[in-house]
Amino acid sequence: MENYQQENEQLKEELTEANEKIEALKEKLGSWRRKAENRPPRLQGAIRQGFDQQRKVHYQVYIVNVPQDLEMKEILKEIYLFLQTVKPYLFSRMDYSQKYDGYLIQVEQSKNWDLNKGFFKD
């Protein structure tokens, strides 16, 4: 009976891993399909993203619409609330943009990637 339970648990874990891989492949397929159809990429709200090889970070930039005439302490409180929605990314910098009429918030996450060596494991 114990062997059956262990085997059942192992199969559940394998099924969960397989489902996660399937979802990741669906996202990749969608990305390539959008590229082939000349449609814009889906960045889940980020206006741009990139990778900094020297610092080994993946970064994303978001627009947060907070009135510019608030005191900086109040602005930072609003930015802090926004940052809770993009975890595990961490705050890097913020700048006000007249073009977007909001604050550009850059968040980043450390990655042990090395494009020069072709090493892309998380």
PDB file of N, CA and C in Angstrom:
ATOM      1  N   MET A   1       0.820  -1.200   0.000  1.00  0.00           N
ATOM      2  CA  MET A   1       0.000   0.000   0.000  1.00  0.00           C
ATOM      3  C   MET A   1       0.862   1.262   0.000  1.00  0.00           C
ATOM      4  N   GLU A   2       1.955   1.217   0.782  1.00  0.00           N
ATOM      5  CA  GLU A   2       2.855   2.372   0.860  1.00  0.00           C
ATOM      6  C   GLU A   2       3.537   2.634  -0.476  1.00  0.00           C
ATOM      7  N   ASN A   3       3.930   1.551  -1.164  1.00  0.00           N
ATOM      8  CA  ASN A   3       4.550   1.705  -2.481  1.00  0.00           C
ATOM      9  C   ASN A   3       3.584   2.354  -3.469  1.00  0.00           C
ATOM     10  N   TYR A   4       2.309   1.963  -3.373  1.00  0.00           N
ATOM     11  CA  TYR A   4       1.297   2.539  -4.246  1.00  0.00           C
ATOM     12  C   TYR A   4       1.175   4.039  -4.014  1.00  0.00           C
ATOM     13  N   GLN A   5       1.187   4.464  -2.752  1.00  0.00           N
ATOM     14  CA  GLN A   5       1.080   5.890  -2.422  1.00  0.00           C
ATOM     15  C   GLN A   5       2.308   6.662  -2.918  1.00  0.00           C
ATOM     16  N   GLN A   6       3.480   6.071  -2.744  1.00  0.00           N
ATOM     17  CA  GLN A   6       4.704   6.728  -3.221  1.00  0.00           C
ATOM     18  C   GLN A   6       4.687   6.864  -4.740  1.00  0.00           C
ATOM     19  N   GLU A   7       4.277   5.778  -5.404  1.00  0.00           N
ATOM     20  CA  GLU A   7       4.219   5.810  -6.862  1.00  0.00           C
ATOM     21  C   GLU A   7       3.177   6.829  -7.331  1.00  0.00           C
ATOM     22  N   ASN A   8       2.048   6.898  -6.644  1.00  0.00           N
ATOM     23  CA  ASN A   8       0.997   7.857  -6.971  1.00  0.00           C
ATOM     24  C   ASN A   8       1.507   9.289  -6.819  1.00  0.00           C
ATOM     25  N   GLU A   9       2.210   9.580  -5.736  1.00  0.00           N
ATOM     26  CA  GLU A   9       2.776  10.910  -5.514  1.00  0.00           C
ATOM     27  C   GLU A   9       3.798  11.256  -6.597  1.00  0.00           C
ATOM     28  N   GLN A  10       4.646  10.292  -6.946  1.00  0.00           N
ATOM     29  CA  GLN A  10       5.647  10.531  -7.981  1.00  0.00           C
ATOM     30  C   GLN A  10       4.980  10.828  -9.319  1.00  0.00           C
ATOM     31  N   LEU A  11       3.923  10.078  -9.643  1.00  0.00           N
ATOM     32  CA  LEU A  11       3.209  10.321 -10.896  1.00  0.00           C
ATOM     33  C   LEU A  11       2.534  11.694 -10.903  1.00  0.00           C
ATOM     34  N   LYS A  12       2.012  12.110  -9.762  1.00  0.00           N
ATOM     35  CA  LYS A  12       1.411  13.440  -9.665  1.00  0.00           C
ATOM     36  C   LYS A  12       2.455  14.521  -9.904  1.00  0.00           C
ATOM     37  N   GLU A  13       3.643  14.362  -9.330  1.00  0.00           N
ATOM     38  CA  GLU A  13       4.720  15.337  -9.537  1.00  0.00           C
ATOM     39  C   GLU A  13       5.138  15.386 -10.995  1.00  0.00           C
ATOM     40  N   GLU A  14       5.273  14.209 -11.620  1.00  0.00           N
ATOM     41  CA  GLU A  14       5.653  14.160 -13.033  1.00  0.00           C
ATOM     42  C   GLU A  14       4.594  14.812 -13.909  1.00  0.00           C
ATOM     43  N   LEU A  15       3.318  14.595 -13.576  1.00  0.00           N
ATOM     44  CA  LEU A  15       2.229  15.215 -14.326  1.00  0.00           C
ATOM     45  C   LEU A  15       2.261  16.729 -14.188  1.00  0.00           C
ATOM     46  N   THR A  16       2.514  17.223 -12.980  1.00  0.00           N
ATOM     47  CA  THR A  16       2.606  18.659 -12.750  1.00  0.00           C
ATOM     48  C   THR A  16       3.752  19.259 -13.557  1.00  0.00           C
ATOM     49  N   GLU A  17       4.914  18.615 -13.538  1.00  0.00           N
ATOM     50  CA  GLU A  17       6.070  19.088 -14.318  1.00  0.00           C
ATOM     51  C   GLU A  17       5.750  19.091 -15.809  1.00  0.00           C
ATOM     52  N   ALA A  18       5.098  18.031 -16.285  1.00  0.00           N
ATOM     53  CA  ALA A  18       4.756  17.950 -17.705  1.00  0.00           C
ATOM     54  C   ALA A  18       3.788  19.070 -18.084  1.00  0.00           C
ATOM     55  N   ASN A  19       2.803  19.345 -17.232  1.00  0.00           N
ATOM     56  CA  ASN A  19       1.854  20.426 -17.515  1.00  0.00           C
ATOM     57  C   ASN A  19       2.539  21.784 -17.539  1.00  0.00           C
ATOM     58  N   GLU A  20       3.510  22.001 -16.651  1.00  0.00           N
ATOM     59  CA  GLU A  20       4.260  23.263 -16.647  1.00  0.00           C
ATOM     60  C   GLU A  20       5.051  23.411 -17.940  1.00  0.00           C
ATOM     61  N   LYS A  21       5.668  22.320 -18.404  1.00  0.00           N
ATOM     62  CA  LYS A  21       6.432  22.361 -19.657  1.00  0.00           C
ATOM     63  C   LYS A  21       5.508  22.640 -20.842  1.00  0.00           C
ATOM     64  N   ILE A  22       4.316  22.040 -20.821  1.00  0.00           N
ATOM     65  CA  ILE A  22       3.350  22.273 -21.899  1.00  0.00           C
ATOM     66  C   ILE A  22       2.950  23.747 -21.944  1.00  0.00           C
ATOM     67  N   GLU A  23       2.677  24.346 -20.789  1.00  0.00           N
ATOM     68  CA  GLU A  23       2.296  25.762 -20.738  1.00  0.00           C
ATOM     69  C   GLU A  23       3.427  26.648 -21.251  1.00  0.00           C
ATOM     70  N   ALA A  24       4.664  26.327 -20.865  1.00  0.00           N
ATOM     71  CA  ALA A  24       5.812  27.107 -21.345  1.00  0.00           C
ATOM     72  C   ALA A  24       5.940  26.999 -22.861  1.00  0.00           C
ATOM     73  N   LEU A  25       5.733  25.808 -23.395  1.00  0.00           N
ATOM     74  CA  LEU A  25       5.801  25.621 -24.846  1.00  0.00           C
ATOM     75  C   LEU A  25       4.679  26.374 -25.560  1.00  0.00           C
ATOM     76  N   LYS A  26       3.485  26.417 -24.957  1.00  0.00           N
ATOM     77  CA  LYS A  26       2.390  27.182 -25.547  1.00  0.00           C
ATOM     78  C   LYS A  26       2.729  28.665 -25.622  1.00  0.00           C
ATOM     79  N   GLU A  27       3.366  29.187 -24.566  1.00  0.00           N
ATOM     80  CA  GLU A  27       3.768  30.598 -24.570  1.00  0.00           C
ATOM     81  C   GLU A  27       4.792  30.859 -25.670  1.00  0.00           C
ATOM     82  N   LYS A  28       5.766  29.954 -25.808  1.00  0.00           N
ATOM     83  CA  LYS A  28       6.781  30.116 -26.857  1.00  0.00           C
ATOM     84  C   LYS A  28       6.145  30.053 -28.238  1.00  0.00           C
ATOM     85  N   LEU A  29       5.245  29.111 -28.425  1.00  0.00           N
ATOM     86  CA  LEU A  29       4.565  28.972 -29.707  1.00  0.00           C
ATOM     87  C   LEU A  29       3.786  30.243 -30.038  1.00  0.00           C
ATOM     88  N   GLY A  30       3.081  30.790 -29.038  1.00  0.00           N
ATOM     89  CA  GLY A  30       2.340  32.032 -29.248  1.00  0.00           C
ATOM     90  C   GLY A  30       3.255  33.183 -29.624  1.00  0.00           C
ATOM     91  N   SER A  31       4.422  33.245 -28.987  1.00  0.00           N
ATOM     92  CA  SER A  31       5.383  34.304 -29.299  1.00  0.00           C
ATOM     93  C   SER A  31       5.846  34.212 -30.743  1.00  0.00           C
ATOM     94  N   TRP A  32       6.193  32.999 -31.178  1.00  0.00           N
ATOM     95  CA  TRP A  32       6.652  32.829 -32.556  1.00  0.00           C
ATOM     96  C   TRP A  32       5.517  33.085 -33.552  1.00  0.00           C
ATOM     97  N   ARG A  33       4.292  32.688 -33.193  1.00  0.00           N
ATOM     98  CA  ARG A  33       3.160  32.932 -34.083  1.00  0.00           C
ATOM     99  C   ARG A  33       2.937  34.432 -34.250  1.00  0.00           C
ATOM    100  N   ARG A  34       2.977  35.181 -33.136  1.00  0.00           N
ATOM    101  CA  ARG A  34       2.800  36.631 -33.234  1.00  0.00           C
ATOM    102  C   ARG A  34       3.892  37.249 -34.101  1.00  0.00           C
ATOM    103  N   LYS A  35       5.127  36.761 -33.969  1.00  0.00           N
ATOM    104  CA  LYS A  35       6.226  37.284 -34.779  1.00  0.00           C
ATOM    105  C   LYS A  35       5.974  36.986 -36.262  1.00  0.00           C
ATOM    106  N   ALA A  36       5.556  35.764 -36.568  1.00  0.00           N
ATOM    107  CA  ALA A  36       5.304  35.379 -37.956  1.00  0.00           C
ATOM    108  C   ALA A  36       4.157  36.193 -38.563  1.00  0.00           C
ATOM    109  N   GLU A  37       3.200  36.562 -37.737  1.00  0.00           N
ATOM    110  CA  GLU A  37       2.052  37.344 -38.209  1.00  0.00           C
ATOM    111  C   GLU A  37       2.297  38.849 -38.099  1.00  0.00           C
ATOM    112  N   ASN A  38       3.529  39.243 -37.780  1.00  0.00           N
ATOM    113  CA  ASN A  38       3.909  40.649 -37.621  1.00  0.00           C
ATOM    114  C   ASN A  38       3.029  41.376 -36.617  1.00  0.00           C
ATOM    115  N   ARG A  39       2.651  40.679 -35.566  1.00  0.00           N
ATOM    116  CA  ARG A  39       1.880  41.287 -34.480  1.00  0.00           C
ATOM    117  C   ARG A  39       2.836  41.648 -33.360  1.00  0.00           C
ATOM    118  N   PRO A  40       2.501  42.668 -32.586  1.00  0.00           N
ATOM    119  CA  PRO A  40       3.409  43.075 -31.500  1.00  0.00           C
ATOM    120  C   PRO A  40       3.494  42.009 -30.409  1.00  0.00           C
ATOM    121  N   PRO A  41       4.642  41.928 -29.739  1.00  0.00           N
ATOM    122  CA  PRO A  41       4.787  40.955 -28.654  1.00  0.00           C
ATOM    123  C   PRO A  41       3.916  41.322 -27.466  1.00  0.00           C
ATOM    124  N   ARG A  42       3.640  40.330 -26.655  1.00  0.00           N
ATOM    125  CA  ARG A  42       2.844  40.542 -25.449  1.00  0.00           C
ATOM    126  C   ARG A  42       3.796  40.548 -24.258  1.00  0.00           C
ATOM    127  N   LEU A  43       3.983  41.715 -23.638  1.00  0.00           N
ATOM    128  CA  LEU A  43       4.925  41.847 -22.527  1.00  0.00           C
ATOM    129  C   LEU A  43       4.215  42.008 -21.190  1.00  0.00           C
ATOM    130  N   GLN A  44       2.935  41.684 -21.142  1.00  0.00           N
ATOM    131  CA  GLN A  44       2.169  41.741 -19.905  1.00  0.00           C
ATOM    132  C   GLN A  44       2.293  43.103 -19.226  1.00  0.00           C
ATOM    133  N   GLY A  45       2.111  44.149 -20.003  1.00  0.00           N
ATOM    134  CA  GLY A  45       2.102  45.487 -19.437  1.00  0.00           C
ATOM    135  C   GLY A  45       3.424  46.227 -19.502  1.00  0.00           C
ATOM    136  N   ALA A  46       4.516  45.525 -19.690  1.00  0.00           N
ATOM    137  CA  ALA A  46       5.815  46.194 -19.781  1.00  0.00           C
ATOM    138  C   ALA A  46       5.938  46.855 -21.152  1.00  0.00           C
ATOM    139  N   ILE A  47       6.495  48.077 -21.176  1.00  0.00           N
ATOM    140  CA  ILE A  47       6.661  48.746 -22.472  1.00  0.00           C
ATOM    141  C   ILE A  47       7.968  48.349 -23.134  1.00  0.00           C
ATOM    142  N   ARG A  48       8.897  47.819 -22.351  1.00  0.00           N
ATOM    143  CA  ARG A  48      10.127  47.270 -22.939  1.00  0.00           C
ATOM    144  C   ARG A  48      10.782  46.344 -21.921  1.00  0.00           C
ATOM    145  N   GLN A  49      11.661  45.520 -22.451  1.00  0.00           N
ATOM    146  CA  GLN A  49      12.409  44.608 -21.602  1.00  0.00           C
ATOM    147  C   GLN A  49      13.759  44.349 -22.244  1.00  0.00           C
ATOM    148  N   GLY A  50      14.680  43.813 -21.474  1.00  0.00           N
ATOM    149  CA  GLY A  50      15.994  43.512 -22.022  1.00  0.00           C
ATOM    150  C   GLY A  50      16.819  42.715 -21.042  1.00  0.00           C
ATOM    151  N   PHE A  51      18.046  42.454 -21.445  1.00  0.00           N
ATOM    152  CA  PHE A  51      18.983  41.703 -20.614  1.00  0.00           C
ATOM    153  C   PHE A  51      20.307  42.450 -20.592  1.00  0.00           C
ATOM    154  N   ASP A  52      20.848  42.689 -19.414  1.00  0.00           N
ATOM    155  CA  ASP A  52      22.135  43.350 -19.239  1.00  0.00           C
ATOM    156  C   ASP A  52      23.161  42.278 -18.907  1.00  0.00           C
ATOM    157  N   GLN A  53      24.033  41.975 -19.873  1.00  0.00           N
ATOM    158  CA  GLN A  53      25.017  40.901 -19.715  1.00  0.00           C
ATOM    159  C   GLN A  53      26.005  41.189 -18.583  1.00  0.00           C
ATOM    160  N   GLN A  54      26.483  42.419 -18.488  1.00  0.00           N
ATOM    161  CA  GLN A  54      27.478  42.732 -17.462  1.00  0.00           C
ATOM    162  C   GLN A  54      26.928  42.557 -16.059  1.00  0.00           C
ATOM    163  N   ARG A  55      25.691  42.992 -15.842  1.00  0.00           N
ATOM    164  CA  ARG A  55      25.086  42.894 -14.510  1.00  0.00           C
ATOM    165  C   ARG A  55      24.309  41.599 -14.337  1.00  0.00           C
ATOM    166  N   LYS A  56      24.114  40.862 -15.454  1.00  0.00           N
ATOM    167  CA  LYS A  56      23.366  39.605 -15.462  1.00  0.00           C
ATOM    168  C   LYS A  56      21.967  39.765 -14.877  1.00  0.00           C
ATOM    169  N   VAL A  57      21.228  40.727 -15.429  1.00  0.00           N
ATOM    170  CA  VAL A  57      19.851  40.954 -14.987  1.00  0.00           C
ATOM    171  C   VAL A  57      18.913  41.051 -16.193  1.00  0.00           C
ATOM    172  N   HIS A  58      17.741  40.495 -16.027  1.00  0.00           N
ATOM    173  CA  HIS A  58      16.644  40.686 -16.969  1.00  0.00           C
ATOM    174  C   HIS A  58      15.833  41.846 -16.407  1.00  0.00           C
ATOM    175  N   TYR A  59      15.567  42.851 -17.240  1.00  0.00           N
ATOM    176  CA  TYR A  59      14.820  44.008 -16.741  1.00  0.00           C
ATOM    177  C   TYR A  59      13.576  44.244 -17.578  1.00  0.00           C
ATOM    178  N   GLN A  60      12.607  44.879 -16.941  1.00  0.00           N
ATOM    179  CA  GLN A  60      11.382  45.295 -17.604  1.00  0.00           C
ATOM    180  C   GLN A  60      11.064  46.713 -17.163  1.00  0.00           C
ATOM    181  N   VAL A  61      10.430  47.470 -18.055  1.00  0.00           N
ATOM    182  CA  VAL A  61      10.059  48.855 -17.762  1.00  0.00           C
ATOM    183  C   VAL A  61       8.552  48.991 -17.909  1.00  0.00           C
ATOM    184  N   TYR A  62       7.930  49.552 -16.883  1.00  0.00           N
ATOM    185  CA  TYR A  62       6.484  49.750 -16.842  1.00  0.00           C
ATOM    186  C   TYR A  62       6.175  51.233 -16.704  1.00  0.00           C
ATOM    187  N   ILE A  63       4.979  51.611 -17.118  1.00  0.00           N
ATOM    188  CA  ILE A  63       4.475  52.970 -16.891  1.00  0.00           C
ATOM    189  C   ILE A  63       3.520  52.905 -15.709  1.00  0.00           C
ATOM    190  N   VAL A  64       3.768  53.763 -14.719  1.00  0.00           N
ATOM    191  CA  VAL A  64       2.858  53.876 -13.583  1.00  0.00           C
ATOM    192  C   VAL A  64       2.353  55.308 -13.571  1.00  0.00           C
ATOM    193  N   ASN A  65       1.054  55.458 -13.728  1.00  0.00           N
ATOM    194  CA  ASN A  65       0.447  56.784 -13.798  1.00  0.00           C
ATOM    195  C   ASN A  65       0.110  57.291 -12.405  1.00  0.00           C
ATOM    196  N   VAL A  66       0.999  58.116 -11.898  1.00  0.00           N
ATOM    197  CA  VAL A  66       0.824  58.771 -10.601  1.00  0.00           C
ATOM    198  C   VAL A  66       0.985  60.265 -10.870  1.00  0.00           C
ATOM    199  N   PRO A  67       0.120  61.109 -10.326  1.00  0.00           N
ATOM    200  CA  PRO A  67       0.267  62.543 -10.563  1.00  0.00           C
ATOM    201  C   PRO A  67       1.655  63.048 -10.159  1.00  0.00           C
ATOM    202  N   GLN A  68       2.264  63.804 -11.043  1.00  0.00           N
ATOM    203  CA  GLN A  68       3.620  64.291 -10.813  1.00  0.00           C
ATOM    204  C   GLN A  68       3.672  65.334  -9.705  1.00  0.00           C
ATOM    205  N   ASP A  69       2.556  66.014  -9.430  1.00  0.00           N
ATOM    206  CA  ASP A  69       2.589  67.095  -8.450  1.00  0.00           C
ATOM    207  C   ASP A  69       2.380  66.620  -7.003  1.00  0.00           C
ATOM    208  N   LEU A  70       2.339  65.314  -6.782  1.00  0.00           N
ATOM    209  CA  LEU A  70       2.303  64.806  -5.409  1.00  0.00           C
ATOM    210  C   LEU A  70       3.681  64.943  -4.771  1.00  0.00           C
ATOM    211  N   GLU A  71       3.715  64.916  -3.469  1.00  0.00           N
ATOM    212  CA  GLU A  71       5.011  64.897  -2.788  1.00  0.00           C
ATOM    213  C   GLU A  71       5.684  63.564  -3.098  1.00  0.00           C
ATOM    214  N   MET A  72       7.009  63.576  -3.162  1.00  0.00           N
ATOM    215  CA  MET A  72       7.746  62.382  -3.532  1.00  0.00           C
ATOM    216  C   MET A  72       7.418  61.210  -2.607  1.00  0.00           C
ATOM    217  N   LYS A  73       7.198  61.476  -1.333  1.00  0.00           N
ATOM    218  CA  LYS A  73       6.872  60.396  -0.397  1.00  0.00           C
ATOM    219  C   LYS A  73       5.579  59.693  -0.824  1.00  0.00           C
ATOM    220  N   GLU A  74       4.590  60.452  -1.270  1.00  0.00           N
ATOM    221  CA  GLU A  74       3.319  59.877  -1.714  1.00  0.00           C
ATOM    222  C   GLU A  74       3.496  59.106  -3.022  1.00  0.00           C
ATOM    223  N   ILE A  75       4.315  59.653  -3.903  1.00  0.00           N
ATOM    224  CA  ILE A  75       4.604  58.970  -5.164  1.00  0.00           C
ATOM    225  C   ILE A  75       5.262  57.626  -4.885  1.00  0.00           C
ATOM    226  N   LEU A  76       6.230  57.614  -3.981  1.00  0.00           N
ATOM    227  CA  LEU A  76       6.940  56.378  -3.657  1.00  0.00           C
ATOM    228  C   LEU A  76       6.015  55.341  -3.019  1.00  0.00           C
ATOM    229  N   LYS A  77       5.039  55.794  -2.261  1.00  0.00           N
ATOM    230  CA  LYS A  77       4.069  54.852  -1.694  1.00  0.00           C
ATOM    231  C   LYS A  77       3.287  54.153  -2.814  1.00  0.00           C
ATOM    232  N   GLU A  78       2.887  54.932  -3.819  1.00  0.00           N
ATOM    233  CA  GLU A  78       2.157  54.347  -4.946  1.00  0.00           C
ATOM    234  C   GLU A  78       3.040  53.385  -5.741  1.00  0.00           C
ATOM    235  N   ILE A  79       4.296  53.776  -5.920  1.00  0.00           N
ATOM    236  CA  ILE A  79       5.231  52.918  -6.644  1.00  0.00           C
ATOM    237  C   ILE A  79       5.433  51.610  -5.869  1.00  0.00           C
ATOM    238  N   TYR A  80       5.526  51.721  -4.556  1.00  0.00           N
ATOM    239  CA  TYR A  80       5.695  50.522  -3.719  1.00  0.00           C
ATOM    240  C   TYR A  80       4.519  49.563  -3.913  1.00  0.00           C
ATOM    241  N   LEU A  81       3.300  50.086  -3.969  1.00  0.00           N
ATOM    242  CA  LEU A  81       2.132  49.233  -4.191  1.00  0.00           C
ATOM    243  C   LEU A  81       2.220  48.537  -5.545  1.00  0.00           C
ATOM    244  N   PHE A  82       2.658  49.276  -6.564  1.00  0.00           N
ATOM    245  CA  PHE A  82       2.828  48.670  -7.888  1.00  0.00           C
ATOM    246  C   PHE A  82       3.867  47.552  -7.848  1.00  0.00           C
ATOM    247  N   LEU A  83       4.959  47.768  -7.131  1.00  0.00           N
ATOM    248  CA  LEU A  83       6.038  46.780  -7.101  1.00  0.00           C
ATOM    249  C   LEU A  83       5.577  45.434  -6.549  1.00  0.00           C
ATOM    250  N   GLN A  84       4.542  45.448  -5.727  1.00  0.00           N
ATOM    251  CA  GLN A  84       4.028  44.192  -5.185  1.00  0.00           C
ATOM    252  C   GLN A  84       3.419  43.326  -6.282  1.00  0.00           C
ATOM    253  N   THR A  85       3.061  43.931  -7.412  1.00  0.00           N
ATOM    254  CA  THR A  85       2.422  43.191  -8.500  1.00  0.00           C
ATOM    255  C   THR A  85       3.417  42.588  -9.477  1.00  0.00           C
ATOM    256  N   VAL A  86       4.687  42.941  -9.379  1.00  0.00           N
ATOM    257  CA  VAL A  86       5.674  42.440 -10.347  1.00  0.00           C
ATOM    258  C   VAL A  86       6.746  41.571  -9.690  1.00  0.00           C
ATOM    259  N   LYS A  87       6.491  41.122  -8.469  1.00  0.00           N
ATOM    260  CA  LYS A  87       7.455  40.236  -7.816  1.00  0.00           C
ATOM    261  C   LYS A  87       7.596  38.972  -8.640  1.00  0.00           C
ATOM    262  N   PRO A  88       8.756  38.378  -8.746  1.00  0.00           N
ATOM    263  CA  PRO A  88       9.970  38.525  -7.952  1.00  0.00           C
ATOM    264  C   PRO A  88      10.928  39.595  -8.473  1.00  0.00           C
ATOM    265  N   TYR A  89      10.494  40.409  -9.448  1.00  0.00           N
ATOM    266  CA  TYR A  89      11.353  41.485  -9.923  1.00  0.00           C
ATOM    267  C   TYR A  89      11.508  42.535  -8.824  1.00  0.00           C
ATOM    268  N   LEU A  90      12.698  43.139  -8.781  1.00  0.00           N
ATOM    269  CA  LEU A  90      13.010  44.133  -7.759  1.00  0.00           C
ATOM    270  C   LEU A  90      13.178  45.507  -8.397  1.00  0.00           C
ATOM    271  N   PHE A  91      12.854  46.545  -7.645  1.00  0.00           N
ATOM    272  CA  PHE A  91      12.961  47.920  -8.110  1.00  0.00           C
ATOM    273  C   PHE A  91      14.406  48.252  -8.466  1.00  0.00           C
ATOM    274  N   SER A  92      14.575  48.938  -9.598  1.00  0.00           N
ATOM    275  CA  SER A  92      15.905  49.363 -10.030  1.00  0.00           C
ATOM    276  C   SER A  92      15.979  50.884 -10.148  1.00  0.00           C
ATOM    277  N   ARG A  93      15.024  51.486 -10.872  1.00  0.00           N
ATOM    278  CA  ARG A  93      15.044  52.938 -11.051  1.00  0.00           C
ATOM    279  C   ARG A  93      13.684  53.432 -11.483  1.00  0.00           C
ATOM    280  N   MET A  94      13.517  54.766 -11.362  1.00  0.00           N
ATOM    281  CA  MET A  94      12.285  55.386 -11.835  1.00  0.00           C
ATOM    282  C   MET A  94      12.603  56.761 -12.375  1.00  0.00           C
ATOM    283  N   ASP A  95      11.900  57.127 -13.439  1.00  0.00           N
ATOM    284  CA  ASP A  95      12.036  58.439 -14.063  1.00  0.00           C
ATOM    285  C   ASP A  95      10.657  58.885 -14.516  1.00  0.00           C
ATOM    286  N   TYR A  96      10.398  60.186 -14.442  1.00  0.00           N
ATOM    287  CA  TYR A  96       9.137  60.702 -14.955  1.00  0.00           C
ATOM    288  C   TYR A  96       9.277  60.918 -16.461  1.00  0.00           C
ATOM    289  N   SER A  97       8.249  60.537 -17.217  1.00  0.00           N
ATOM    290  CA  SER A  97       8.249  60.705 -18.663  1.00  0.00           C
ATOM    291  C   SER A  97       7.089  61.595 -19.079  1.00  0.00           C
ATOM    292  N   GLN A  98       7.405  62.715 -19.736  1.00  0.00           N
ATOM    293  CA  GLN A  98       6.343  63.564 -20.262  1.00  0.00           C
ATOM    294  C   GLN A  98       5.651  62.877 -21.431  1.00  0.00           C
ATOM    295  N   LYS A  99       6.403  62.114 -22.188  1.00  0.00           N
ATOM    296  CA  LYS A  99       5.827  61.409 -23.329  1.00  0.00           C
ATOM    297  C   LYS A  99       4.702  60.473 -22.891  1.00  0.00           C
ATOM    298  N   TYR A 100       4.932  59.718 -21.820  1.00  0.00           N
ATOM    299  CA  TYR A 100       3.940  58.762 -21.324  1.00  0.00           C
ATOM    300  C   TYR A 100       3.078  59.338 -20.205  1.00  0.00           C
ATOM    301  N   ASP A 101       3.401  60.548 -19.767  1.00  0.00           N
ATOM    302  CA  ASP A 101       2.686  61.207 -18.682  1.00  0.00           C
ATOM    303  C   ASP A 101       2.569  60.290 -17.462  1.00  0.00           C
ATOM    304  N   GLY A 102       3.697  59.720 -17.090  1.00  0.00           N
ATOM    305  CA  GLY A 102       3.741  58.824 -15.943  1.00  0.00           C
ATOM    306  C   GLY A 102       5.182  58.483 -15.617  1.00  0.00           C
ATOM    307  N   TYR A 103       5.332  57.714 -14.577  1.00  0.00           N
ATOM    308  CA  TYR A 103       6.671  57.297 -14.152  1.00  0.00           C
ATOM    309  C   TYR A 103       7.053  56.001 -14.840  1.00  0.00           C
ATOM    310  N   LEU A 104       8.256  55.975 -15.380  1.00  0.00           N
ATOM    311  CA  LEU A 104       8.808  54.755 -15.956  1.00  0.00           C
ATOM    312  C   LEU A 104       9.523  54.026 -14.823  1.00  0.00           C
ATOM    313  N   ILE A 105       9.043  52.855 -14.505  1.00  0.00           N
ATOM    314  CA  ILE A 105       9.590  52.072 -13.407  1.00  0.00           C
ATOM    315  C   ILE A 105      10.330  50.887 -13.985  1.00  0.00           C
ATOM    316  N   GLN A 106      11.619  50.819 -13.696  1.00  0.00           N
ATOM    317  CA  GLN A 106      12.413  49.686 -14.156  1.00  0.00           C
ATOM    318  C   GLN A 106      12.587  48.709 -13.007  1.00  0.00           C
ATOM    319  N   VAL A 107      12.243  47.461 -13.285  1.00  0.00           N
ATOM    320  CA  VAL A 107      12.422  46.387 -12.317  1.00  0.00           C
ATOM    321  C   VAL A 107      13.348  45.354 -12.951  1.00  0.00           C
ATOM    322  N   GLU A 108      14.028  44.602 -12.105  1.00  0.00           N
ATOM    323  CA  GLU A 108      14.964  43.630 -12.653  1.00  0.00           C
ATOM    324  C   GLU A 108      15.045  42.394 -11.781  1.00  0.00           C
ATOM    325  N   GLN A 109      15.537  41.329 -12.408  1.00  0.00           N
ATOM    326  CA  GLN A 109      15.703  40.062 -11.718  1.00  0.00           C
ATOM    327  C   GLN A 109      17.034  39.475 -12.148  1.00  0.00           C
ATOM    328  N   SER A 110      17.835  39.042 -11.183  1.00  0.00           N
ATOM    329  CA  SER A 110      19.132  38.433 -11.485  1.00  0.00           C
ATOM    330  C   SER A 110      18.933  37.122 -12.230  1.00  0.00           C
ATOM    331  N   LYS A 111      19.758  36.928 -13.236  1.00  0.00           N
ATOM    332  CA  LYS A 111      19.744  35.682 -14.010  1.00  0.00           C
ATOM    333  C   LYS A 111      21.186  35.237 -14.200  1.00  0.00           C
ATOM    334  N   ASN A 112      21.417  33.974 -14.085  1.00  0.00           N
ATOM    335  CA  ASN A 112      22.760  33.434 -14.289  1.00  0.00           C
ATOM    336  C   ASN A 112      22.898  33.007 -15.743  1.00  0.00           C
ATOM    337  N   TRP A 113      22.646  33.942 -16.644  1.00  0.00           N
ATOM    338  CA  TRP A 113      22.719  33.674 -18.070  1.00  0.00           C
ATOM    339  C   TRP A 113      24.003  34.278 -18.619  1.00  0.00           C
ATOM    340  N   ASP A 114      24.584  33.615 -19.598  1.00  0.00           N
ATOM    341  CA  ASP A 114      25.770  34.148 -20.267  1.00  0.00           C
ATOM    342  C   ASP A 114      25.614  33.930 -21.761  1.00  0.00           C
ATOM    343  N   LEU A 115      25.234  34.986 -22.450  1.00  0.00           N
ATOM    344  CA  LEU A 115      24.994  34.903 -23.884  1.00  0.00           C
ATOM    345  C   LEU A 115      26.259  34.509 -24.641  1.00  0.00           C
ATOM    346  N   ASN A 116      27.413  34.913 -24.152  1.00  0.00           N
ATOM    347  CA  ASN A 116      28.671  34.599 -24.820  1.00  0.00           C
ATOM    348  C   ASN A 116      28.980  33.106 -24.801  1.00  0.00           C
ATOM    349  N   LYS A 117      28.512  32.423 -23.775  1.00  0.00           N
ATOM    350  CA  LYS A 117      28.780  30.992 -23.638  1.00  0.00           C
ATOM    351  C   LYS A 117      27.569  30.136 -23.995  1.00  0.00           C
ATOM    352  N   GLY A 118      26.442  30.782 -24.289  1.00  0.00           N
ATOM    353  CA  GLY A 118      25.230  30.040 -24.613  1.00  0.00           C
ATOM    354  C   GLY A 118      24.627  29.355 -23.405  1.00  0.00           C
ATOM    355  N   PHE A 119      24.797  29.954 -22.248  1.00  0.00           N
ATOM    356  CA  PHE A 119      24.316  29.372 -20.986  1.00  0.00           C
ATOM    357  C   PHE A 119      23.059  30.106 -20.556  1.00  0.00           C
ATOM    358  N   PHE A 120      21.901  29.417 -20.605  1.00  0.00           N
ATOM    359  CA  PHE A 120      20.645  30.090 -20.337  1.00  0.00           C
ATOM    360  C   PHE A 120      19.805  29.424 -19.264  1.00  0.00           C
ATOM    361  N   LYS A 121      20.385  28.625 -18.416  1.00  0.00           N
ATOM    362  CA  LYS A 121      19.598  27.955 -17.374  1.00  0.00           C
ATOM    363  C   LYS A 121      19.279  28.943 -16.264  1.00  0.00           C
ATOM    364  N   ASP A 122      18.076  28.814 -15.710  1.00  0.00           N
ATOM    365  CA  ASP A 122      17.669  29.679 -14.593  1.00  0.00           C
ATOM    366  C   ASP A 122      18.354  29.214 -13.391  1.00  0.00           C
TER     367      ASP A 122
END
